Amino acid sequence: MTAMRASDLPLPRIARGKVRDVYAVGDDRVLLLTTDRISAFDVVMAETIPAKGAVLTQISAWWFRRLEGAVPHHMISADADAIIEQVPDLKHHRGDIFGRAMLCRRTKVFPIECVIRGYISGSAWKEYAAQGTLAGEKLAAGLTESAKLEPPIFSPATKAETGHDENISVARVCEIVGDAVAHELESMARAVYAVGEKTARAQGIIIADTKFEFGRDQNGRIILIDEVMTPDSSRFWAADVYRPGQPQPSFDKQPLRDYLDAERRAGRWNGDAPPPSLPGSVVDATSKRYLEAYRRVTGSELKI
């Protein structure tokens, strides 16, 4: 599979994010194409990460199949030939969409990141360590970094177009979308996390935290959309080396973050675009980390 930085399909492109290109398929469907672009610290790198787009798409597809009956979702197909059968305009673009594209139901997206935290880490730990709170609300005293949260916390955030998402209270979610919708989003997010946590744990993976997105389809249903429990939307830890009270190694783009951190400490990068060029060793290590995440989560090698 050739690494892809940007796509150019014969469909109306309606969005281009840091990683995904989104195309309209009629009025009721979209094609999500995940490129091999990668960002860190809110900056998109010049280099691509081979296999990353396929990993993110196919892990999501794997989860969507396992969530049948738990929550409704937007995936129609992530198989290139099945997609082409439904979207004949793509018949000459099989190589472009193979592995990395998902045909989905179109929705009106809620402007909320529905984060479930089973363990306290990342931005949540930083706020708690400083103030004993999360999104300004008090948490139990005496927690240590990476400690398990029982029960898991629904920790919503606003969706930022640029910069970091901002943790917000459940009360603020109710103000944005209304009480009934807020409670349904929380209930659905918890249901998905419960399936994911149990499934991943059987594979030796802890899903420390993860974020979900939801939208309302053309029939008025609230359904799960976007990516689901991938290395980009979740914090995966190996259960056999988990030790509370300290940071944990993650199955994500940590080799990239470590390199960029070193460049900043050395004064060679100020944290803004353009980013420094990535050595081949960093690109290779990051690609291997994504492929390992796929293997560990699904129990099989990615066929690309």
C-alpha atoms as a PDB file:
ATOM      1  CA  MET A   1       0.000   0.000   0.000  1.00  0.00           C
ATOM      2  CA  THR A   2       1.398   3.377  -1.065  1.00  0.00           C
ATOM      3  CA  ALA A   3       1.347   6.067   1.625  1.00  0.00           C
ATOM      4  CA  MET A   4      -1.204   8.812   0.915  1.00  0.00           C
ATOM      5  CA  ARG A   5      -0.971  12.434   2.013  1.00  0.00           C
ATOM      6  CA  ALA A   6      -4.090  13.732   0.250  1.00  0.00           C
ATOM      7  CA  SER A   7      -6.877  12.219  -1.814  1.00  0.00           C
ATOM      8  CA  ASP A   8      -8.555  13.396  -4.993  1.00  0.00           C
ATOM      9  CA  LEU A   9     -11.683  11.378  -5.677  1.00  0.00           C
ATOM     10  CA  PRO A  10     -14.425  12.134  -8.270  1.00  0.00           C
ATOM     11  CA  LEU A  11     -16.904  13.060  -5.544  1.00  0.00           C
ATOM     12  CA  PRO A  12     -17.757  16.403  -3.902  1.00  0.00           C
ATOM     13  CA  ARG A  13     -15.305  16.903  -1.045  1.00  0.00           C
ATOM     14  CA  ILE A  14     -17.100  18.509   1.893  1.00  0.00           C
ATOM     15  CA  ALA A  15     -14.329  18.551   4.493  1.00  0.00           C
ATOM     16  CA  ARG A  16     -10.613  18.011   4.977  1.00  0.00           C
ATOM     17  CA  GLY A  17      -9.405  17.508   8.526  1.00  0.00           C
ATOM     18  CA  LYS A  18      -5.984  16.838   9.943  1.00  0.00           C
ATOM     19  CA  VAL A  19      -6.248  13.186   8.931  1.00  0.00           C
ATOM     20  CA  ARG A  20      -9.532  12.555   7.059  1.00  0.00           C
ATOM     21  CA  ASP A  21     -10.979  13.713   3.767  1.00  0.00           C
ATOM     22  CA  VAL A  22     -14.782  13.608   3.692  1.00  0.00           C
ATOM     23  CA  TYR A  23     -16.771  13.250   0.460  1.00  0.00           C
ATOM     24  CA  ALA A  24     -20.508  13.492  -0.156  1.00  0.00           C
ATOM     25  CA  VAL A  25     -22.224  10.471  -1.703  1.00  0.00           C
ATOM     26  CA  GLY A  26     -25.635  11.766  -2.652  1.00  0.00           C
ATOM     27  CA  ASP A  27     -27.672  13.450   0.064  1.00  0.00           C
ATOM     28  CA  ASP A  28     -27.686  10.680   2.644  1.00  0.00           C
ATOM     29  CA  ARG A  29     -24.192   9.160   2.691  1.00  0.00           C
ATOM     30  CA  VAL A  30     -20.558  10.221   3.079  1.00  0.00           C
ATOM     31  CA  LEU A  31     -17.252   8.574   2.267  1.00  0.00           C
ATOM     32  CA  LEU A  32     -14.642   8.951   4.996  1.00  0.00           C
ATOM     33  CA  LEU A  33     -11.161   8.511   3.588  1.00  0.00           C
ATOM     34  CA  THR A  34      -8.369   8.325   6.142  1.00  0.00           C
ATOM     35  CA  THR A  35      -5.042   9.472   4.736  1.00  0.00           C
ATOM     36  CA  ASP A  36      -1.614   8.759   6.205  1.00  0.00           C
ATOM     37  CA  ARG A  37      -1.226  12.336   7.435  1.00  0.00           C
ATOM     38  CA  ILE A  38      -0.253  12.623  11.067  1.00  0.00           C
ATOM     39  CA  SER A  39      -0.396  15.468  13.545  1.00  0.00           C
ATOM     40  CA  ALA A  40       1.134  16.011  16.954  1.00  0.00           C
ATOM     41  CA  PHE A  41       0.739  18.957  19.305  1.00  0.00           C
ATOM     42  CA  ASP A  42      -1.877  20.269  16.839  1.00  0.00           C
ATOM     43  CA  VAL A  43       0.641  20.509  13.967  1.00  0.00           C
ATOM     44  CA  VAL A  44       0.380  18.343  10.841  1.00  0.00           C
ATOM     45  CA  MET A  45       3.676  16.787   9.843  1.00  0.00           C
ATOM     46  CA  ALA A  46       5.079  17.014   6.308  1.00  0.00           C
ATOM     47  CA  GLU A  47       5.760  13.274   6.249  1.00  0.00           C
ATOM     48  CA  THR A  48       3.176  10.509   6.081  1.00  0.00           C
ATOM     49  CA  ILE A  49       3.057   7.370   8.224  1.00  0.00           C
ATOM     50  CA  PRO A  50       2.674   4.243   6.056  1.00  0.00           C
ATOM     51  CA  ALA A  51      -0.400   2.095   6.883  1.00  0.00           C
ATOM     52  CA  LYS A  52      -1.751   4.602   9.423  1.00  0.00           C
ATOM     53  CA  GLY A  53      -4.903   5.406   7.441  1.00  0.00           C
ATOM     54  CA  ALA A  54      -5.721   1.749   6.947  1.00  0.00           C
ATOM     55  CA  VAL A  55      -5.118   0.980  10.616  1.00  0.00           C
ATOM     56  CA  LEU A  56      -7.497   3.709  11.771  1.00  0.00           C
ATOM     57  CA  THR A  57     -10.207   2.752   9.276  1.00  0.00           C
ATOM     58  CA  GLN A  58     -10.032  -0.981   9.827  1.00  0.00           C
ATOM     59  CA  ILE A  59      -9.852  -0.833  13.629  1.00  0.00           C
ATOM     60  CA  SER A  60     -12.986   1.333  13.544  1.00  0.00           C
ATOM     61  CA  ALA A  61     -14.683  -1.137  11.178  1.00  0.00           C
ATOM     62  CA  TRP A  62     -13.718  -4.014  13.477  1.00  0.00           C
ATOM     63  CA  TRP A  63     -15.311  -2.243  16.431  1.00  0.00           C
ATOM     64  CA  PHE A  64     -18.448  -1.233  14.509  1.00  0.00           C
ATOM     65  CA  ARG A  65     -19.065  -4.874  13.628  1.00  0.00           C
ATOM     66  CA  ARG A  66     -18.766  -5.838  17.298  1.00  0.00           C
ATOM     67  CA  LEU A  67     -21.090  -3.059  18.397  1.00  0.00           C
ATOM     68  CA  GLU A  68     -24.023  -4.367  16.359  1.00  0.00           C
ATOM     69  CA  GLY A  69     -26.934  -4.609  18.763  1.00  0.00           C
ATOM     70  CA  ALA A  70     -25.271  -2.397  21.375  1.00  0.00           C
ATOM     71  CA  VAL A  71     -25.662   1.004  19.690  1.00  0.00           C
ATOM     72  CA  PRO A  72     -26.668   2.106  16.177  1.00  0.00           C
ATOM     73  CA  HIS A  73     -23.777   3.432  14.093  1.00  0.00           C
ATOM     74  CA  HIS A  74     -23.035   5.016  10.741  1.00  0.00           C
ATOM     75  CA  MET A  75     -20.876   2.389   8.983  1.00  0.00           C
ATOM     76  CA  ILE A  76     -22.282   0.882   5.799  1.00  0.00           C
ATOM     77  CA  SER A  77     -19.059  -0.741   4.551  1.00  0.00           C
ATOM     78  CA  ALA A  78     -15.277  -0.477   4.796  1.00  0.00           C
ATOM     79  CA  ASP A  79     -14.668  -2.969   1.988  1.00  0.00           C
ATOM     80  CA  ALA A  80     -13.377  -1.333  -1.196  1.00  0.00           C
ATOM     81  CA  ASP A  81     -15.247  -3.629  -3.594  1.00  0.00           C
ATOM     82  CA  ALA A  82     -18.532  -3.277  -1.708  1.00  0.00           C
ATOM     83  CA  ILE A  83     -18.088   0.501  -1.693  1.00  0.00           C
ATOM     84  CA  ILE A  84     -17.434   0.570  -5.450  1.00  0.00           C
ATOM     85  CA  GLU A  85     -20.551  -1.534  -6.020  1.00  0.00           C
ATOM     86  CA  GLN A  86     -22.590   1.181  -4.282  1.00  0.00           C
ATOM     87  CA  VAL A  87     -20.569   4.133  -5.649  1.00  0.00           C
ATOM     88  CA  PRO A  88     -19.647   3.247  -9.265  1.00  0.00           C
ATOM     89  CA  ASP A  89     -17.833   6.586  -9.734  1.00  0.00           C
ATOM     90  CA  LEU A  90     -15.013   5.064  -7.664  1.00  0.00           C
ATOM     91  CA  LYS A  91     -14.419   2.038  -9.915  1.00  0.00           C
ATOM     92  CA  HIS A  92     -11.135   3.466 -11.215  1.00  0.00           C
ATOM     93  CA  HIS A  93      -9.998   4.477  -7.718  1.00  0.00           C
ATOM     94  CA  ARG A  94      -9.902   1.133  -5.924  1.00  0.00           C
ATOM     95  CA  GLY A  95      -6.227   1.605  -5.068  1.00  0.00           C
ATOM     96  CA  ASP A  96      -6.967   4.978  -3.493  1.00  0.00           C
ATOM     97  CA  ILE A  97      -9.771   3.727  -1.258  1.00  0.00           C
ATOM     98  CA  PHE A  98      -8.558   0.190  -0.514  1.00  0.00           C
ATOM     99  CA  GLY A  99      -8.352  -0.320   3.247  1.00  0.00           C
ATOM    100  CA  ARG A 100      -8.643   3.345   4.109  1.00  0.00           C
ATOM    101  CA  ALA A 101     -12.210   4.331   3.092  1.00  0.00           C
ATOM    102  CA  MET A 102     -15.528   3.819   4.856  1.00  0.00           C
ATOM    103  CA  LEU A 103     -18.964   4.449   3.370  1.00  0.00           C
ATOM    104  CA  CYS A 104     -21.245   5.868   6.056  1.00  0.00           C
ATOM    105  CA  ARG A 105     -24.695   7.256   6.722  1.00  0.00           C
ATOM    106  CA  ARG A 106     -24.701  11.032   6.758  1.00  0.00           C
ATOM    107  CA  THR A 107     -25.657  12.751  10.012  1.00  0.00           C
ATOM    108  CA  LYS A 108     -25.917  16.133  11.652  1.00  0.00           C
ATOM    109  CA  VAL A 109     -23.002  15.981  14.070  1.00  0.00           C
ATOM    110  CA  PHE A 110     -23.322  17.031  17.706  1.00  0.00           C
ATOM    111  CA  PRO A 111     -20.543  19.528  18.618  1.00  0.00           C
ATOM    112  CA  ILE A 112     -19.444  17.442  21.601  1.00  0.00           C
ATOM    113  CA  GLU A 113     -16.560  15.029  22.157  1.00  0.00           C
ATOM    114  CA  CYS A 114     -18.022  12.320  24.392  1.00  0.00           C
ATOM    115  CA  VAL A 115     -14.982  11.213  26.395  1.00  0.00           C
ATOM    116  CA  ILE A 116     -15.077   8.266  28.761  1.00  0.00           C
ATOM    117  CA  ARG A 117     -12.185   8.042  31.212  1.00  0.00           C
ATOM    118  CA  GLY A 118     -11.624   4.676  32.874  1.00  0.00           C
ATOM    119  CA  TYR A 119      -8.256   5.832  34.207  1.00  0.00           C
ATOM    120  CA  ILE A 120      -6.929   9.292  35.015  1.00  0.00           C
ATOM    121  CA  SER A 121      -4.212  10.416  32.634  1.00  0.00           C
ATOM    122  CA  GLY A 122      -3.280  13.149  30.169  1.00  0.00           C
ATOM    123  CA  SER A 123      -5.041  16.498  30.499  1.00  0.00           C
ATOM    124  CA  ALA A 124      -7.368  15.100  33.172  1.00  0.00           C
ATOM    125  CA  TRP A 125      -4.422  14.149  35.373  1.00  0.00           C
ATOM    126  CA  LYS A 126      -2.774  17.538  34.881  1.00  0.00           C
ATOM    127  CA  GLU A 127      -5.879  19.389  36.049  1.00  0.00           C
ATOM    128  CA  TYR A 128      -6.495  16.978  38.917  1.00  0.00           C
ATOM    129  CA  ALA A 129      -2.881  17.147  40.117  1.00  0.00           C
ATOM    130  CA  ALA A 130      -3.048  20.940  40.160  1.00  0.00           C
ATOM    131  CA  GLN A 131      -6.555  21.505  41.480  1.00  0.00           C
ATOM    132  CA  GLY A 132      -8.210  18.205  42.425  1.00  0.00           C
ATOM    133  CA  THR A 133     -10.830  18.784  39.734  1.00  0.00           C
ATOM    134  CA  LEU A 134     -11.833  17.766  36.225  1.00  0.00           C
ATOM    135  CA  ALA A 135     -13.535  20.456  34.122  1.00  0.00           C
ATOM    136  CA  GLY A 136     -13.780  22.416  37.373  1.00  0.00           C
ATOM    137  CA  GLU A 137     -15.672  19.678  39.218  1.00  0.00           C
ATOM    138  CA  LYS A 138     -14.176  17.991  42.276  1.00  0.00           C
ATOM    139  CA  LEU A 139     -12.955  14.406  42.033  1.00  0.00           C
ATOM    140  CA  ALA A 140     -12.191  12.017  44.877  1.00  0.00           C
ATOM    141  CA  ALA A 141      -9.085  12.896  46.854  1.00  0.00           C
ATOM    142  CA  GLY A 142      -5.936  10.782  46.810  1.00  0.00           C
ATOM    143  CA  LEU A 143      -5.896   9.634  43.176  1.00  0.00           C
ATOM    144  CA  THR A 144      -2.516   8.880  41.626  1.00  0.00           C
ATOM    145  CA  GLU A 145      -1.498   9.227  37.990  1.00  0.00           C
ATOM    146  CA  SER A 146      -2.970   6.439  35.823  1.00  0.00           C
ATOM    147  CA  ALA A 147      -5.233   5.281  38.672  1.00  0.00           C
ATOM    148  CA  LYS A 148      -8.395   3.393  37.730  1.00  0.00           C
ATOM    149  CA  LEU A 149     -11.608   5.402  38.028  1.00  0.00           C
ATOM    150  CA  GLU A 150     -14.542   3.430  39.394  1.00  0.00           C
ATOM    151  CA  PRO A 151     -16.994   3.970  37.877  1.00  0.00           C
ATOM    152  CA  PRO A 152     -15.533   5.486  34.683  1.00  0.00           C
ATOM    153  CA  ILE A 153     -16.134   9.211  34.281  1.00  0.00           C
ATOM    154  CA  PHE A 154     -18.106  10.795  31.446  1.00  0.00           C
ATOM    155  CA  SER A 155     -15.826  13.718  30.645  1.00  0.00           C
ATOM    156  CA  PRO A 156     -17.178  15.683  27.655  1.00  0.00           C
ATOM    157  CA  ALA A 157     -15.235  18.254  25.676  1.00  0.00           C
ATOM    158  CA  THR A 158     -15.971  20.844  23.053  1.00  0.00           C
ATOM    159  CA  LYS A 159     -14.859  20.098  19.502  1.00  0.00           C
ATOM    160  CA  ALA A 160     -12.182  22.634  18.562  1.00  0.00           C
ATOM    161  CA  GLU A 161     -11.612  23.531  14.900  1.00  0.00           C
ATOM    162  CA  THR A 162      -8.083  24.573  15.834  1.00  0.00           C
ATOM    163  CA  GLY A 163      -6.027  24.026  18.972  1.00  0.00           C
ATOM    164  CA  HIS A 164      -6.979  21.733  21.824  1.00  0.00           C
ATOM    165  CA  ASP A 165     -10.454  20.509  22.721  1.00  0.00           C
ATOM    166  CA  GLU A 166     -11.642  21.949  26.038  1.00  0.00           C
ATOM    167  CA  ASN A 167     -12.968  19.778  28.869  1.00  0.00           C
ATOM    168  CA  ILE A 168     -16.458  20.904  29.900  1.00  0.00           C
ATOM    169  CA  SER A 169     -18.999  19.883  32.545  1.00  0.00           C
ATOM    170  CA  VAL A 170     -22.058  17.734  31.922  1.00  0.00           C
ATOM    171  CA  ALA A 171     -24.111  20.775  32.869  1.00  0.00           C
ATOM    172  CA  ARG A 172     -22.516  22.664  29.989  1.00  0.00           C
ATOM    173  CA  VAL A 173     -23.380  19.801  27.598  1.00  0.00           C
ATOM    174  CA  CYS A 174     -26.998  20.082  28.728  1.00  0.00           C
ATOM    175  CA  GLU A 175     -26.913  23.784  27.891  1.00  0.00           C
ATOM    176  CA  ILE A 176     -25.538  23.050  24.398  1.00  0.00           C
ATOM    177  CA  VAL A 177     -27.725  20.109  23.313  1.00  0.00           C
ATOM    178  CA  GLY A 178     -30.483  19.901  25.927  1.00  0.00           C
ATOM    179  CA  ASP A 179     -30.920  17.574  28.903  1.00  0.00           C
ATOM    180  CA  ALA A 180     -32.483  14.650  27.052  1.00  0.00           C
ATOM    181  CA  VAL A 181     -29.839  14.528  24.323  1.00  0.00           C
ATOM    182  CA  ALA A 182     -27.013  14.999  26.826  1.00  0.00           C
ATOM    183  CA  HIS A 183     -28.214  12.037  28.867  1.00  0.00           C
ATOM    184  CA  GLU A 184     -28.598   9.886  25.755  1.00  0.00           C
ATOM    185  CA  LEU A 185     -25.085  10.764  24.576  1.00  0.00           C
ATOM    186  CA  GLU A 186     -23.677   9.823  27.987  1.00  0.00           C
ATOM    187  CA  SER A 187     -25.637   6.567  28.068  1.00  0.00           C
ATOM    188  CA  MET A 188     -24.526   5.566  24.574  1.00  0.00           C
ATOM    189  CA  ALA A 189     -20.895   6.518  25.220  1.00  0.00           C
ATOM    190  CA  ARG A 190     -20.855   4.427  28.376  1.00  0.00           C
ATOM    191  CA  ALA A 191     -22.417   1.477  26.523  1.00  0.00           C
ATOM    192  CA  VAL A 192     -19.758   1.601  23.806  1.00  0.00           C
ATOM    193  CA  TYR A 193     -16.941   1.903  26.339  1.00  0.00           C
ATOM    194  CA  ALA A 194     -18.284  -1.055  28.318  1.00  0.00           C
ATOM    195  CA  VAL A 195     -18.136  -3.255  25.206  1.00  0.00           C
ATOM    196  CA  GLY A 196     -14.726  -1.914  24.223  1.00  0.00           C
ATOM    197  CA  GLU A 197     -13.162  -2.185  27.680  1.00  0.00           C
ATOM    198  CA  LYS A 198     -14.255  -5.801  28.125  1.00  0.00           C
ATOM    199  CA  THR A 199     -13.235  -6.813  24.601  1.00  0.00           C
ATOM    200  CA  ALA A 200      -9.837  -5.105  24.740  1.00  0.00           C
ATOM    201  CA  ARG A 201      -9.085  -6.428  28.211  1.00  0.00           C
ATOM    202  CA  ALA A 202      -9.443  -9.975  26.854  1.00  0.00           C
ATOM    203  CA  GLN A 203      -6.696  -9.052  24.358  1.00  0.00           C
ATOM    204  CA  GLY A 204      -4.421  -7.718  27.100  1.00  0.00           C
ATOM    205  CA  ILE A 205      -5.181  -4.057  26.331  1.00  0.00           C
ATOM    206  CA  ILE A 206      -6.469  -1.416  28.719  1.00  0.00           C
ATOM    207  CA  ILE A 207      -8.513   1.365  27.119  1.00  0.00           C
ATOM    208  CA  ALA A 208      -7.603   4.103  29.587  1.00  0.00           C
ATOM    209  CA  ASP A 209      -9.779   6.713  27.926  1.00  0.00           C
ATOM    210  CA  THR A 210     -11.466   7.222  24.593  1.00  0.00           C
ATOM    211  CA  LYS A 211     -13.607   9.771  22.825  1.00  0.00           C
ATOM    212  CA  PHE A 212     -16.712   9.208  20.747  1.00  0.00           C
ATOM    213  CA  GLU A 213     -18.736  11.354  18.395  1.00  0.00           C
ATOM    214  CA  PHE A 214     -22.433  11.097  17.670  1.00  0.00           C
ATOM    215  CA  GLY A 215     -24.792  12.520  15.083  1.00  0.00           C
ATOM    216  CA  ARG A 216     -28.479  12.470  14.227  1.00  0.00           C
ATOM    217  CA  ASP A 217     -29.320  10.588  11.032  1.00  0.00           C
ATOM    218  CA  GLN A 218     -32.041  11.464   8.556  1.00  0.00           C
ATOM    219  CA  ASN A 219     -34.527   9.327  10.490  1.00  0.00           C
ATOM    220  CA  GLY A 220     -33.877  11.315  13.655  1.00  0.00           C
ATOM    221  CA  ARG A 221     -31.876   8.594  15.410  1.00  0.00           C
ATOM    222  CA  ILE A 222     -28.761   9.417  17.414  1.00  0.00           C
ATOM    223  CA  ILE A 223     -25.996   7.149  16.116  1.00  0.00           C
ATOM    224  CA  LEU A 224     -22.283   6.572  16.736  1.00  0.00           C
ATOM    225  CA  ILE A 225     -20.076   8.122  14.037  1.00  0.00           C
ATOM    226  CA  ASP A 226     -16.477   8.875  13.041  1.00  0.00           C
ATOM    227  CA  GLU A 227     -13.698   6.641  14.368  1.00  0.00           C
ATOM    228  CA  VAL A 228     -14.130   4.271  17.296  1.00  0.00           C
ATOM    229  CA  MET A 229     -11.521   3.160  19.819  1.00  0.00           C
ATOM    230  CA  THR A 230      -8.501   3.706  17.576  1.00  0.00           C
ATOM    231  CA  PRO A 231      -4.971   4.692  18.641  1.00  0.00           C
ATOM    232  CA  ASP A 232      -5.821   8.280  17.630  1.00  0.00           C
ATOM    233  CA  SER A 233      -9.061   8.545  19.621  1.00  0.00           C
ATOM    234  CA  SER A 234      -8.036   6.414  22.605  1.00  0.00           C
ATOM    235  CA  ARG A 235      -5.263   5.770  25.079  1.00  0.00           C
ATOM    236  CA  PHE A 236      -4.282   2.089  24.864  1.00  0.00           C
ATOM    237  CA  TRP A 237      -2.070   0.548  27.549  1.00  0.00           C
ATOM    238  CA  ALA A 238      -0.626  -2.963  27.759  1.00  0.00           C
ATOM    239  CA  ALA A 239      -2.302  -4.637  30.751  1.00  0.00           C
ATOM    240  CA  ASP A 240       0.752  -6.715  31.600  1.00  0.00           C
ATOM    241  CA  VAL A 241       2.960  -3.675  32.254  1.00  0.00           C
ATOM    242  CA  TYR A 242       0.334  -1.363  33.782  1.00  0.00           C
ATOM    243  CA  ARG A 243       1.597   0.295  36.955  1.00  0.00           C
ATOM    244  CA  PRO A 244      -0.492   3.031  38.615  1.00  0.00           C
ATOM    245  CA  GLY A 245       1.262   6.081  40.003  1.00  0.00           C
ATOM    246  CA  GLN A 246       3.220   6.860  36.845  1.00  0.00           C
ATOM    247  CA  PRO A 247       2.779   7.471  33.086  1.00  0.00           C
ATOM    248  CA  GLN A 248       2.130   4.379  30.977  1.00  0.00           C
ATOM    249  CA  PRO A 249       3.592   3.427  27.574  1.00  0.00           C
ATOM    250  CA  SER A 250       0.948   3.815  24.863  1.00  0.00           C
ATOM    251  CA  PHE A 251       0.162   2.141  21.531  1.00  0.00           C
ATOM    252  CA  ASP A 252       0.015   5.370  19.568  1.00  0.00           C
ATOM    253  CA  LYS A 253       2.266   8.032  18.063  1.00  0.00           C
ATOM    254  CA  GLN A 254       4.582   8.190  21.079  1.00  0.00           C
ATOM    255  CA  PRO A 255       7.773   7.818  18.992  1.00  0.00           C
ATOM    256  CA  LEU A 256       6.724  10.961  17.100  1.00  0.00           C
ATOM    257  CA  ARG A 257       5.865  12.885  20.271  1.00  0.00           C
ATOM    258  CA  ASP A 258       9.179  11.877  21.879  1.00  0.00           C
ATOM    259  CA  TYR A 259      11.141  13.116  18.858  1.00  0.00           C
ATOM    260  CA  LEU A 260       9.296  16.437  18.748  1.00  0.00           C
ATOM    261  CA  ASP A 261       9.732  16.912  22.497  1.00  0.00           C
ATOM    262  CA  ALA A 262      13.486  16.411  22.069  1.00  0.00           C
ATOM    263  CA  GLU A 263      13.546  18.951  19.229  1.00  0.00           C
ATOM    264  CA  ARG A 264      11.762  21.498  21.425  1.00  0.00           C
ATOM    265  CA  ARG A 265      14.066  20.938  24.391  1.00  0.00           C
ATOM    266  CA  ALA A 266      17.049  21.385  22.083  1.00  0.00           C
ATOM    267  CA  GLY A 267      15.627  24.690  20.825  1.00  0.00           C
ATOM    268  CA  ARG A 268      15.319  23.467  17.234  1.00  0.00           C
ATOM    269  CA  TRP A 269      11.505  23.774  17.151  1.00  0.00           C
ATOM    270  CA  ASN A 270       9.184  26.281  18.801  1.00  0.00           C
ATOM    271  CA  GLY A 271       6.070  24.085  18.656  1.00  0.00           C
ATOM    272  CA  ASP A 272       4.434  25.894  15.728  1.00  0.00           C
ATOM    273  CA  ALA A 273       4.163  25.072  12.027  1.00  0.00           C
ATOM    274  CA  PRO A 274       6.225  24.234  10.118  1.00  0.00           C
ATOM    275  CA  PRO A 275       7.357  21.204  12.105  1.00  0.00           C
ATOM    276  CA  PRO A 276      10.850  19.731  11.848  1.00  0.00           C
ATOM    277  CA  SER A 277      11.500  17.033   9.248  1.00  0.00           C
ATOM    278  CA  LEU A 278      11.071  13.532  10.605  1.00  0.00           C
ATOM    279  CA  PRO A 279      13.914  11.005  10.334  1.00  0.00           C
ATOM    280  CA  GLY A 280      13.040   7.756   8.618  1.00  0.00           C
ATOM    281  CA  SER A 281      13.569   5.916  11.893  1.00  0.00           C
ATOM    282  CA  VAL A 282      10.787   7.937  13.561  1.00  0.00           C
ATOM    283  CA  VAL A 283       8.409   7.387  10.633  1.00  0.00           C
ATOM    284  CA  ASP A 284       9.137   3.644  10.670  1.00  0.00           C
ATOM    285  CA  ALA A 285       8.778   3.313  14.454  1.00  0.00           C
ATOM    286  CA  THR A 286       5.466   5.180  14.403  1.00  0.00           C
ATOM    287  CA  SER A 287       4.091   3.041  11.563  1.00  0.00           C
ATOM    288  CA  LYS A 288       5.069  -0.116  13.439  1.00  0.00           C
ATOM    289  CA  ARG A 289       3.367   1.210  16.578  1.00  0.00           C
ATOM    290  CA  TYR A 290       0.057   1.646  14.697  1.00  0.00           C
ATOM    291  CA  LEU A 291       0.287  -1.807  13.134  1.00  0.00           C
ATOM    292  CA  GLU A 292       1.028  -3.308  16.554  1.00  0.00           C
ATOM    293  CA  ALA A 293      -2.037  -1.559  17.969  1.00  0.00           C
ATOM    294  CA  TYR A 294      -4.173  -3.150  15.253  1.00  0.00           C
ATOM    295  CA  ARG A 295      -2.720  -6.582  15.916  1.00  0.00           C
ATOM    296  CA  ARG A 296      -3.121  -6.325  19.675  1.00  0.00           C
ATOM    297  CA  VAL A 297      -6.689  -5.008  19.554  1.00  0.00           C
ATOM    298  CA  THR A 298      -8.077  -7.290  16.839  1.00  0.00           C
ATOM    299  CA  GLY A 299      -5.888 -10.334  17.367  1.00  0.00           C
ATOM    300  CA  SER A 300      -4.858 -10.458  13.702  1.00  0.00           C
ATOM    301  CA  GLU A 301      -2.435  -8.848  11.275  1.00  0.00           C
ATOM    302  CA  LEU A 302      -3.706  -6.034   9.068  1.00  0.00           C
ATOM    303  CA  LYS A 303      -4.093  -7.295   5.491  1.00  0.00           C
ATOM    304  CA  ILE A 304      -2.931  -4.478   3.225  1.00  0.00           C
END
